[in-house]
Amino acid sequence: MDSVTAREGARRSLSLPNILTYSRIAAVPVVVGCMYGQSIGEGPLWLRWVALFFFVAAGVTDFLDGYYARIWDQQSAFGRMLDPIADKLLVSSCLLMLAADEIIRGWSLWAAIVILCREILVSGLREYLAALRVSVPVSQLAKWKTTVQLVAIGFLIAGEAGEAILPQTIMIGLVLLWISAIITLYTGWDYFRAGLGHLIKEDS
């Protein structure tokens, strides 16, 4: 019975949705490496386009893994655990790299801090609620938050290379980053309220 369960678990871990999630994680060092090589290593601007290509590809897998998991009925606890981890690795590493090369600087750093703090808070709440066997579904607003966040980071990754094609590329990215930070605060409060409600019930 245990061997059957193990084979089933291995089969699910190698399903297409999970493979797409793995690819999103694998894209993180490529994106960060290209950004580092261009900004810190003073490399050519075309490295930003390479970083943007892999970032966009990773963002597309974020949509496709959930889509295929639903239509092929390949949803699993492992996939639900891995998917937000991949998202957070991609977003957090890009924000840190953008701050390091000073695309995000000054007051805009607070937008990045809000986003990063929310991700840490939600991760902790998810772990706490999972222990209580409580699931908090992702709201439509949270999905829009993720979309705006990814688009904002995409503009900022393009950076100076993008400015040559679309003036104010960086400014557009920063404005979208602030919009995503504001939505992040609201959706983060929803998670916090849900976690607080269950904490009060458990203690009472």
Protein backbone atom coordinates (compact mmCIF):
# COMPACT_ATOMS: atom_id res chain seq x y z
CA MET A 1 0.00 0.00 0.00
CA ASP A 2 2.85 2.35 0.90
CA SER A 3 4.62 1.64 -2.42
CA VAL A 4 1.40 2.39 -4.31
CA THR A 5 1.00 5.66 -2.43
CA ALA A 6 4.64 6.55 -3.11
CA ARG A 7 4.25 5.87 -6.85
CA GLU A 8 1.08 7.95 -6.93
CA GLY A 9 2.86 10.80 -5.15
CA ALA A 10 5.78 10.62 -7.57
CA ARG A 11 3.41 10.61 -10.55
CA ARG A 12 1.61 13.69 -9.26
CA SER A 13 4.87 15.51 -8.53
CA LEU A 14 5.86 15.03 -12.19
CA SER A 15 2.53 16.16 -13.62
CA LEU A 16 2.61 18.95 -16.21
CA PRO A 17 1.25 21.62 -13.80
CA ASN A 18 4.02 20.84 -11.30
CA ILE A 19 6.67 20.75 -14.03
CA LEU A 20 5.53 24.24 -15.07
CA THR A 21 5.92 25.34 -11.46
CA TYR A 22 9.41 23.83 -11.32
CA SER A 23 10.30 25.81 -14.45
CA ARG A 24 9.17 29.02 -12.73
CA ILE A 25 11.56 28.30 -9.86
CA ALA A 26 14.34 27.47 -12.33
CA ALA A 27 13.80 30.82 -14.07
CA VAL A 28 14.62 32.76 -10.88
CA PRO A 29 18.45 32.43 -11.01
CA VAL A 30 18.41 33.13 -14.75
CA VAL A 31 16.43 36.36 -14.35
CA VAL A 32 18.43 37.52 -11.34
CA GLY A 33 21.73 36.52 -12.97
CA CYS A 34 21.00 38.54 -16.11
CA MET A 35 19.94 41.57 -14.07
CA TYR A 36 23.05 41.29 -11.90
CA GLY A 37 25.31 40.89 -14.91
CA GLN A 38 23.87 44.00 -16.58
CA SER A 39 23.60 46.36 -13.59
CA ILE A 40 26.20 45.29 -11.03
CA GLY A 41 28.55 43.68 -13.55
CA GLU A 42 28.06 46.59 -16.00
CA GLY A 43 27.16 44.23 -18.82
CA PRO A 44 25.30 45.03 -22.06
CA LEU A 45 21.69 46.24 -21.98
CA TRP A 46 20.47 43.23 -23.99
CA LEU A 47 20.82 41.20 -20.79
CA ARG A 48 17.74 43.08 -19.52
CA TRP A 49 15.76 41.73 -22.47
CA VAL A 50 16.93 38.21 -21.69
CA ALA A 51 15.88 38.70 -18.06
CA LEU A 52 12.52 40.07 -19.19
CA PHE A 53 11.96 37.13 -21.56
CA PHE A 54 12.49 34.55 -18.82
CA PHE A 55 10.44 36.60 -16.36
CA VAL A 56 7.49 36.80 -18.76
CA ALA A 57 7.81 33.08 -19.50
CA ALA A 58 7.76 32.39 -15.76
CA GLY A 59 4.69 34.60 -15.38
CA VAL A 60 2.90 32.66 -18.12
CA THR A 61 3.58 29.37 -16.31
CA ASP A 62 1.89 30.89 -13.24
CA PHE A 63 -1.34 30.97 -15.26
CA LEU A 64 -0.84 27.70 -17.12
CA ASP A 65 -0.04 25.47 -14.13
CA GLY A 66 -3.31 26.33 -12.41
CA TYR A 67 -5.26 26.12 -15.65
CA TYR A 68 -4.02 22.64 -16.56
CA ALA A 69 -4.35 21.42 -12.98
CA ARG A 70 -8.04 22.34 -13.06
CA ILE A 71 -9.00 21.07 -16.52
CA TRP A 72 -7.02 17.82 -16.14
CA ASP A 73 -8.01 17.32 -12.50
CA GLN A 74 -4.37 17.22 -11.42
CA GLN A 75 -4.68 19.43 -8.37
CA SER A 76 -2.71 18.18 -5.38
CA ALA A 77 -1.60 19.29 -1.92
CA PHE A 78 1.99 19.33 -3.17
CA GLY A 79 1.08 21.60 -6.07
CA ARG A 80 -0.91 23.95 -3.83
CA MET A 81 2.12 24.18 -1.54
CA LEU A 82 4.70 24.65 -4.30
CA ASP A 83 2.85 27.20 -6.43
CA PRO A 84 2.87 30.13 -3.95
CA ILE A 85 6.49 29.32 -3.05
CA ALA A 86 7.48 29.68 -6.72
CA ASP A 87 5.56 32.96 -6.97
CA LYS A 88 7.20 34.40 -3.87
CA LEU A 89 10.69 33.34 -4.94
CA LEU A 90 10.24 35.03 -8.33
CA VAL A 91 8.71 38.26 -7.03
CA SER A 92 10.93 38.63 -3.96
CA SER A 93 14.21 37.97 -5.78
CA CYS A 94 13.32 40.41 -8.56
CA LEU A 95 12.32 43.15 -6.10
CA LEU A 96 15.57 42.71 -4.15
CA MET A 97 17.61 42.84 -7.35
CA LEU A 98 15.74 45.93 -8.58
CA ALA A 99 16.47 47.62 -5.25
CA ALA A 100 20.14 46.60 -5.50
CA ASP A 101 20.54 48.20 -8.93
CA GLU A 102 18.54 51.25 -7.71
CA ILE A 103 15.72 50.98 -10.23
CA ILE A 104 13.58 50.90 -7.09
CA ARG A 105 14.86 53.59 -4.75
CA GLY A 106 13.73 56.38 -2.46
CA TRP A 107 10.06 56.32 -1.53
CA SER A 108 9.40 53.48 -3.97
CA LEU A 109 11.34 51.18 -1.66
CA TRP A 110 8.34 51.34 0.68
CA ALA A 111 6.13 49.80 -2.00
CA ALA A 112 8.58 46.90 -2.31
CA ILE A 113 8.76 46.56 1.49
CA VAL A 114 4.97 46.41 1.75
CA ILE A 115 4.84 43.66 -0.89
CA LEU A 116 7.62 41.62 0.75
CA CYS A 117 6.17 41.98 4.26
CA ARG A 118 2.75 40.91 3.03
CA GLU A 119 4.21 37.80 1.41
CA ILE A 120 5.92 36.82 4.68
CA LEU A 121 2.75 37.51 6.69
CA VAL A 122 0.52 35.51 4.35
CA SER A 123 2.98 32.60 4.30
CA GLY A 124 2.88 32.45 8.09
CA LEU A 125 -0.92 32.69 8.18
CA ARG A 126 -1.29 29.98 5.55
CA GLU A 127 0.91 27.65 7.59
CA TYR A 128 -1.08 28.42 10.75
CA LEU A 129 -4.46 27.95 9.07
CA ALA A 130 -3.28 24.77 7.34
CA ALA A 131 -2.53 23.31 10.78
CA LEU A 132 -6.16 24.04 11.66
CA ARG A 133 -7.27 22.47 8.36
CA VAL A 134 -8.69 25.82 7.29
CA SER A 135 -8.39 26.90 3.67
CA VAL A 136 -8.62 30.56 2.65
CA PRO A 137 -9.46 30.74 -1.07
CA VAL A 138 -7.61 33.23 -3.25
CA SER A 139 -9.90 36.15 -4.02
CA GLN A 140 -10.33 37.66 -7.47
CA LEU A 141 -8.75 40.88 -6.17
CA ALA A 142 -5.69 38.93 -5.02
CA LYS A 143 -5.36 37.51 -8.54
CA TRP A 144 -5.50 41.02 -9.97
CA LYS A 145 -2.88 42.07 -7.43
CA THR A 146 -0.56 39.37 -8.69
CA THR A 147 -1.14 40.41 -12.31
CA VAL A 148 -0.43 44.10 -11.63
CA GLN A 149 2.61 43.11 -9.58
CA LEU A 150 4.08 40.99 -12.37
CA VAL A 151 3.42 43.67 -15.01
CA ALA A 152 5.06 46.31 -12.79
CA ILE A 153 8.15 44.18 -12.23
CA GLY A 154 8.31 43.42 -15.95
CA PHE A 155 8.48 47.14 -16.79
CA LEU A 156 11.15 47.66 -14.12
CA ILE A 157 13.23 44.72 -15.35
CA ALA A 158 13.22 46.27 -18.84
CA GLY A 159 14.52 49.44 -17.19
CA GLU A 160 16.89 51.50 -19.30
CA ALA A 161 16.62 49.06 -22.20
CA GLY A 162 12.87 49.64 -22.26
CA GLU A 163 13.30 53.43 -22.11
CA ALA A 164 14.87 53.32 -25.56
CA ILE A 165 11.59 51.93 -26.99
CA LEU A 166 8.97 53.30 -24.59
CA PRO A 167 9.91 56.50 -22.74
CA GLN A 168 8.95 56.51 -19.04
CA THR A 169 9.14 52.72 -18.88
CA ILE A 170 10.60 52.88 -15.38
CA MET A 171 8.05 55.43 -14.21
CA ILE A 172 5.19 53.26 -15.49
CA GLY A 173 6.66 50.33 -13.60
CA LEU A 174 6.95 52.33 -10.38
CA VAL A 175 3.36 53.59 -10.61
CA LEU A 176 2.10 50.05 -11.15
CA LEU A 177 4.28 48.88 -8.24
CA TRP A 178 2.57 51.38 -5.93
CA ILE A 179 -0.85 50.30 -7.18
CA SER A 180 0.01 46.66 -6.49
CA ALA A 181 1.34 47.62 -3.03
CA ILE A 182 -1.97 49.32 -2.17
CA ILE A 183 -3.95 46.28 -3.33
CA THR A 184 -1.48 44.11 -1.42
CA LEU A 185 -2.31 45.94 1.82
CA TYR A 186 -6.03 45.33 1.30
CA THR A 187 -5.73 41.66 0.40
CA GLY A 188 -3.20 41.12 3.19
CA TRP A 189 -5.73 42.50 5.65
CA ASP A 190 -8.26 39.93 4.40
CA TYR A 191 -5.85 37.09 5.21
CA PHE A 192 -4.94 38.63 8.57
CA ARG A 193 -8.61 39.04 9.50
CA ALA A 194 -9.33 35.40 8.61
CA GLY A 195 -6.35 34.20 10.63
CA LEU A 196 -7.25 36.41 13.59
CA GLY A 197 -10.83 35.11 13.55
CA HIS A 198 -9.71 31.49 13.77
CA LEU A 199 -7.12 32.36 16.43
CA ILE A 200 -9.82 33.94 18.62
CA LYS A 201 -12.07 30.89 18.12
CA GLU A 202 -9.25 28.52 19.06
CA ASP A 203 -8.39 30.44 22.25
CA SER A 204 -12.02 30.87 23.36
